[in-house]
Amino acid sequence: MAREGRDGTVGALLHGLAVLDMFSQDRPVIGIGEVARQLGVHRSTASRLAATLATAGYLEPAGDGQGRYRLAAKLAVLGEIAATGNELPSVALPALRDLVSRLGETGHLGVLEANEAVTVAVVDGWQTVRMHSWVGKRSPAHCSSMGKALLAGLASQDFLARYPDPDLPVSTPATITTRAELEKCLADVRARGYAEDREELEPHLHCVAAPVFGRDGTVVASVSVSGPASRLREPAAVATAAAEVRATARQIGARLGAPREVPGWEPPAG
């Protein structure tokens, strides 16, 4: 068992992170002796730290025959994820504002955390009667359009890990109540390219969302508009909102370097 410090920190983990902190543009390769000296540990301990980081995919042998290490590609992947998460709101807001100006309904940008859709950007609608939301709002993903657009991008094993129970929590009488029903709904989302919430999260609220794809073709966020069911219930209104959110999501994805088409999803129109 890893030993904890008085403040609850794990010493071995801190040492491992300290090894990663040693790397820089001017120091792309590091030897075991350097690690031992900087951390003030025995050479054998430094060697075990480096070997553990390599096994976990964070370091790799430098291949110079001197037992030195360099950073592995896994860190580049994590860095790209972090960069994408940080840039999403700033990249998305101009397009989200344009979307709201055209439709008048409140616009949202959301990401998936566990089985919740988390709002990371909001633009209030200009209609007198409109939905009010806030950054940081969490909604059960299975009963929100934003969440469904995010869930539809998951691999099967990831989806099942998030929903091990065949029954789902209920928010309103219209909420999807079983995992099997949700899986069918997500297949429809991929086939249509957009998701709907027909009073499944809140009574009298209707929402339409589309996925935002990242550089590698995975779903990194979703864009939605929400308003009273009285305005967004009719097929013509849904079709208009769907076309607009898809175009907006595609615009944001393009700025993130997303591919033009993603296998398994309805190709964008035009």
Protein backbone atom coordinates (compact mmCIF):
# COMPACT_ATOMS: atom_id res chain seq x y z
CA MET A 1 0.00 0.00 0.00
CA ALA A 2 1.27 3.51 -0.85
CA ARG A 3 2.27 5.52 2.21
CA GLU A 4 0.26 8.68 2.83
CA GLY A 5 1.67 11.86 4.33
CA ARG A 6 0.00 13.74 7.15
CA ASP A 7 -1.78 15.93 4.59
CA GLY A 8 -3.21 12.92 2.76
CA THR A 9 -0.74 13.06 -0.13
CA VAL A 10 0.92 9.92 -1.51
CA GLY A 11 4.70 10.21 -1.40
CA ALA A 12 5.45 7.77 -4.21
CA LEU A 13 3.01 9.55 -6.51
CA LEU A 14 4.55 12.91 -5.71
CA HIS A 15 7.98 11.50 -6.52
CA GLY A 16 6.65 10.17 -9.83
CA LEU A 17 5.17 13.55 -10.72
CA ALA A 18 8.43 15.21 -9.71
CA VAL A 19 10.20 13.01 -12.28
CA LEU A 20 7.83 14.26 -14.98
CA ASP A 21 8.42 17.85 -13.87
CA MET A 22 12.13 17.42 -14.55
CA PHE A 23 11.57 17.36 -18.30
CA SER A 24 11.68 20.56 -20.34
CA GLN A 25 12.47 21.78 -23.85
CA ASP A 26 16.10 22.02 -22.81
CA ARG A 27 16.04 18.71 -21.00
CA PRO A 28 14.12 16.20 -23.16
CA VAL A 29 16.04 13.15 -21.92
CA ILE A 30 16.84 12.28 -18.29
CA GLY A 31 18.99 9.61 -16.71
CA ILE A 32 18.45 7.63 -13.51
CA GLY A 33 21.39 9.35 -11.81
CA GLU A 34 19.83 12.77 -12.44
CA VAL A 35 16.53 11.60 -10.99
CA ALA A 36 18.23 10.21 -7.88
CA ARG A 37 20.18 13.41 -7.28
CA GLN A 38 17.27 15.80 -7.83
CA LEU A 39 14.80 13.82 -5.71
CA GLY A 40 17.37 12.91 -3.06
CA VAL A 41 16.60 9.20 -3.31
CA HIS A 42 18.71 6.08 -3.82
CA ARG A 43 19.52 5.16 -7.42
CA SER A 44 17.49 1.94 -7.11
CA THR A 45 14.45 3.95 -6.03
CA ALA A 46 14.89 6.32 -8.97
CA SER A 47 15.13 3.34 -11.30
CA ARG A 48 11.88 1.87 -9.95
CA LEU A 49 10.11 5.23 -10.33
CA ALA A 50 11.19 5.53 -13.96
CA ALA A 51 10.30 1.91 -14.71
CA THR A 52 6.84 2.37 -13.18
CA LEU A 53 6.20 5.52 -15.22
CA ALA A 54 7.33 3.67 -18.34
CA THR A 55 5.03 0.73 -17.59
CA ALA A 56 2.14 3.18 -17.18
CA GLY A 57 2.95 4.76 -20.55
CA TYR A 58 4.24 8.13 -19.36
CA LEU A 59 7.94 7.51 -20.11
CA GLU A 60 9.82 5.45 -22.64
CA PRO A 61 13.48 4.45 -23.00
CA ALA A 62 15.48 7.03 -24.90
CA GLY A 63 17.16 4.25 -26.87
CA ASP A 64 20.64 5.67 -26.43
CA GLY A 65 22.04 2.66 -24.60
CA GLN A 66 22.59 4.72 -21.44
CA GLY A 67 19.41 3.78 -19.57
CA ARG A 68 17.87 7.21 -19.98
CA TYR A 69 14.21 8.10 -20.51
CA ARG A 70 12.10 10.56 -22.47
CA LEU A 71 8.43 11.49 -22.28
CA ALA A 72 6.04 9.07 -24.01
CA ALA A 73 3.20 9.85 -26.40
CA LYS A 74 0.54 9.28 -23.72
CA LEU A 75 1.40 12.65 -22.21
CA ALA A 76 0.88 14.33 -25.58
CA VAL A 77 -2.60 12.81 -25.76
CA LEU A 78 -3.45 14.01 -22.26
CA GLY A 79 -2.09 17.45 -23.10
CA GLU A 80 -4.29 17.64 -26.18
CA ILE A 81 -7.35 16.67 -24.14
CA ALA A 82 -6.56 19.35 -21.56
CA ALA A 83 -5.96 21.97 -24.25
CA THR A 84 -9.21 21.09 -26.00
CA GLY A 85 -11.16 21.30 -22.75
CA ASN A 86 -9.71 24.71 -21.95
CA GLU A 87 -10.24 26.16 -25.40
CA LEU A 88 -13.75 24.86 -25.98
CA PRO A 89 -15.74 27.74 -24.46
CA SER A 90 -13.66 30.45 -26.14
CA VAL A 91 -13.79 28.64 -29.49
CA ALA A 92 -17.51 27.95 -29.22
CA LEU A 93 -18.93 31.22 -27.87
CA PRO A 94 -18.93 33.25 -31.11
CA ALA A 95 -20.77 30.49 -32.96
CA LEU A 96 -23.10 29.94 -30.00
CA ARG A 97 -24.00 33.65 -29.93
CA ASP A 98 -24.77 33.55 -33.65
CA LEU A 99 -26.98 30.51 -33.13
CA VAL A 100 -28.95 32.24 -30.36
CA SER A 101 -29.30 35.42 -32.41
CA ARG A 102 -30.93 33.41 -35.20
CA LEU A 103 -33.25 31.23 -33.10
CA GLY A 104 -33.89 33.34 -29.99
CA GLU A 105 -33.68 30.28 -27.74
CA THR A 106 -31.05 29.82 -25.01
CA GLY A 107 -27.91 28.12 -26.29
CA HIS A 108 -25.59 25.80 -24.38
CA LEU A 109 -22.25 24.07 -24.78
CA GLY A 110 -21.82 20.93 -22.69
CA VAL A 111 -19.34 18.17 -21.95
CA LEU A 112 -19.78 14.70 -20.48
CA GLU A 113 -18.64 13.82 -16.97
CA ALA A 114 -19.50 10.29 -15.88
CA ASN A 115 -23.20 10.11 -16.81
CA GLU A 116 -23.94 13.82 -16.48
CA ALA A 117 -24.01 16.60 -19.07
CA VAL A 118 -22.14 19.59 -17.63
CA THR A 119 -22.80 23.06 -19.06
CA VAL A 120 -19.55 24.91 -19.81
CA ALA A 121 -20.96 27.89 -21.74
CA VAL A 122 -24.38 29.57 -21.94
CA VAL A 123 -25.86 32.31 -24.12
CA ASP A 124 -29.29 33.50 -22.99
CA GLY A 125 -32.04 33.67 -25.58
CA TRP A 126 -33.79 36.89 -26.48
CA GLN A 127 -37.34 35.55 -26.31
CA THR A 128 -39.46 36.99 -23.49
CA VAL A 129 -40.24 33.49 -22.23
CA ARG A 130 -37.00 31.52 -22.31
CA MET A 131 -34.97 28.97 -20.42
CA HIS A 132 -32.49 30.25 -17.84
CA SER A 133 -29.33 28.23 -17.25
CA TRP A 134 -25.83 28.64 -15.87
CA VAL A 135 -22.26 27.45 -16.34
CA GLY A 136 -21.63 24.42 -14.17
CA LYS A 137 -25.19 23.11 -14.33
CA ARG A 138 -25.33 19.30 -14.29
CA SER A 139 -28.10 17.27 -15.85
CA PRO A 140 -28.60 13.50 -16.15
CA ALA A 141 -27.23 12.78 -19.60
CA HIS A 142 -29.90 10.25 -20.53
CA CYS A 143 -32.76 12.76 -20.27
CA SER A 144 -31.21 15.85 -21.86
CA SER A 145 -30.61 16.46 -25.55
CA MET A 146 -27.12 17.74 -24.79
CA GLY A 147 -26.37 14.56 -22.84
CA LYS A 148 -27.74 12.24 -25.51
CA ALA A 149 -25.57 13.87 -28.18
CA LEU A 150 -22.57 13.23 -25.93
CA LEU A 151 -23.54 9.66 -25.02
CA ALA A 152 -24.07 8.77 -28.67
CA GLY A 153 -20.34 9.18 -29.22
CA LEU A 154 -19.30 6.59 -26.62
CA ALA A 155 -17.90 3.19 -27.45
CA SER A 156 -20.16 0.34 -26.31
CA GLN A 157 -17.97 -0.71 -23.39
CA ASP A 158 -17.71 2.88 -22.15
CA PHE A 159 -21.46 3.30 -22.35
CA LEU A 160 -22.07 0.10 -20.37
CA ALA A 161 -19.54 1.14 -17.74
CA ARG A 162 -21.50 4.35 -17.18
CA TYR A 163 -24.85 2.55 -17.14
CA PRO A 164 -24.38 -0.84 -15.47
CA ASP A 165 -27.99 -0.86 -14.23
CA PRO A 166 -30.68 -1.71 -16.83
CA ASP A 167 -33.04 0.81 -15.20
CA LEU A 168 -32.50 4.58 -15.35
CA PRO A 169 -33.46 7.39 -12.95
CA VAL A 170 -36.69 9.17 -13.84
CA SER A 171 -37.03 12.97 -13.91
CA THR A 172 -40.45 13.36 -15.58
CA PRO A 173 -43.13 11.06 -17.00
CA ALA A 174 -41.45 11.42 -20.41
CA THR A 175 -37.97 10.31 -19.26
CA ILE A 176 -36.34 7.27 -20.85
CA THR A 177 -36.46 4.61 -18.14
CA THR A 178 -34.31 1.72 -19.40
CA ARG A 179 -30.81 1.30 -20.76
CA ALA A 180 -32.16 -0.65 -23.75
CA GLU A 181 -34.48 2.22 -24.65
CA LEU A 182 -31.59 4.66 -24.30
CA GLU A 183 -29.37 2.58 -26.59
CA LYS A 184 -32.09 2.63 -29.26
CA CYS A 185 -32.43 6.40 -28.83
CA LEU A 186 -28.67 6.91 -29.22
CA ALA A 187 -28.67 4.88 -32.43
CA ASP A 188 -31.35 7.27 -33.74
CA VAL A 189 -29.19 10.24 -32.68
CA ARG A 190 -26.27 8.92 -34.74
CA ALA A 191 -28.54 8.25 -37.71
CA ARG A 192 -30.12 11.74 -37.61
CA GLY A 193 -27.09 13.70 -36.43
CA TYR A 194 -28.98 15.40 -33.60
CA ALA A 195 -30.74 14.64 -30.30
CA GLU A 196 -33.99 15.81 -28.73
CA ASP A 197 -35.33 16.17 -25.22
CA ARG A 198 -39.13 16.27 -25.27
CA GLU A 199 -39.93 17.31 -21.68
CA GLU A 200 -37.75 14.44 -20.44
CA LEU A 201 -35.65 16.60 -18.12
CA GLU A 202 -38.20 19.24 -17.10
CA PRO A 203 -41.92 19.59 -17.87
CA HIS A 204 -42.72 22.07 -20.66
CA LEU A 205 -39.04 22.22 -21.78
CA HIS A 206 -37.92 21.04 -25.21
CA CYS A 207 -34.29 20.93 -26.35
CA VAL A 208 -32.37 20.03 -29.51
CA ALA A 209 -28.62 19.26 -29.56
CA ALA A 210 -25.84 18.17 -31.90
CA PRO A 211 -22.38 16.71 -31.20
CA VAL A 212 -19.13 18.63 -31.56
CA PHE A 213 -16.32 16.45 -32.87
CA GLY A 214 -12.65 16.86 -32.05
CA ARG A 215 -9.59 16.40 -34.23
CA ASP A 216 -9.68 12.61 -33.89
CA GLY A 217 -13.38 12.29 -34.71
CA THR A 218 -14.54 11.68 -31.14
CA VAL A 219 -17.38 13.66 -29.55
CA VAL A 220 -15.80 16.30 -27.29
CA ALA A 221 -18.86 18.45 -26.58
CA SER A 222 -22.40 19.16 -27.68
CA VAL A 223 -24.34 22.28 -28.63
CA SER A 224 -28.00 22.67 -27.73
CA VAL A 225 -30.87 25.13 -27.78
CA SER A 226 -33.65 24.99 -25.20
CA GLY A 227 -37.02 26.64 -24.99
CA PRO A 228 -40.69 26.17 -24.13
CA ALA A 229 -42.28 23.08 -25.61
CA SER A 230 -44.96 25.37 -27.05
CA ARG A 231 -42.31 26.79 -29.45
CA LEU A 232 -40.10 23.75 -30.02
CA ARG A 233 -42.64 20.94 -30.14
CA GLU A 234 -43.79 21.13 -33.76
CA PRO A 235 -41.87 19.14 -36.40
CA ALA A 236 -41.07 22.25 -38.46
CA ALA A 237 -39.59 24.01 -35.42
CA VAL A 238 -37.55 20.93 -34.50
CA ALA A 239 -36.26 20.61 -38.07
CA THR A 240 -35.15 24.26 -38.08
CA ALA A 241 -33.47 23.98 -34.68
CA ALA A 242 -31.78 20.71 -35.66
CA ALA A 243 -30.34 22.19 -38.84
CA GLU A 244 -29.07 25.22 -36.92
CA VAL A 245 -27.45 23.32 -34.04
CA ARG A 246 -25.82 20.87 -36.46
CA ALA A 247 -24.37 23.73 -38.49
CA THR A 248 -23.12 25.43 -35.31
CA ALA A 249 -21.60 22.23 -33.93
CA ARG A 250 -19.90 21.63 -37.28
CA GLN A 251 -18.51 25.18 -37.25
CA ILE A 252 -17.05 24.70 -33.76
CA GLY A 253 -15.67 21.29 -34.69
CA ALA A 254 -13.97 22.73 -37.76
CA ARG A 255 -12.13 25.20 -35.53
CA LEU A 256 -10.98 22.24 -33.43
CA GLY A 257 -9.71 20.43 -36.53
CA ALA A 258 -12.53 17.87 -36.75
CA PRO A 259 -12.88 15.73 -39.89
CA ARG A 260 -15.61 16.65 -42.36
CA GLU A 261 -17.39 13.31 -41.86
CA VAL A 262 -17.27 10.80 -39.00
CA PRO A 263 -18.00 7.08 -39.60
CA GLY A 264 -21.19 5.93 -37.92
CA TRP A 265 -22.77 9.39 -37.92
CA GLU A 266 -25.15 11.04 -40.37
CA PRO A 267 -22.97 13.14 -42.72
CA PRO A 268 -23.48 16.90 -42.46
CA ALA A 269 -25.75 18.45 -45.07
CA GLY A 270 -24.33 20.62 -47.81
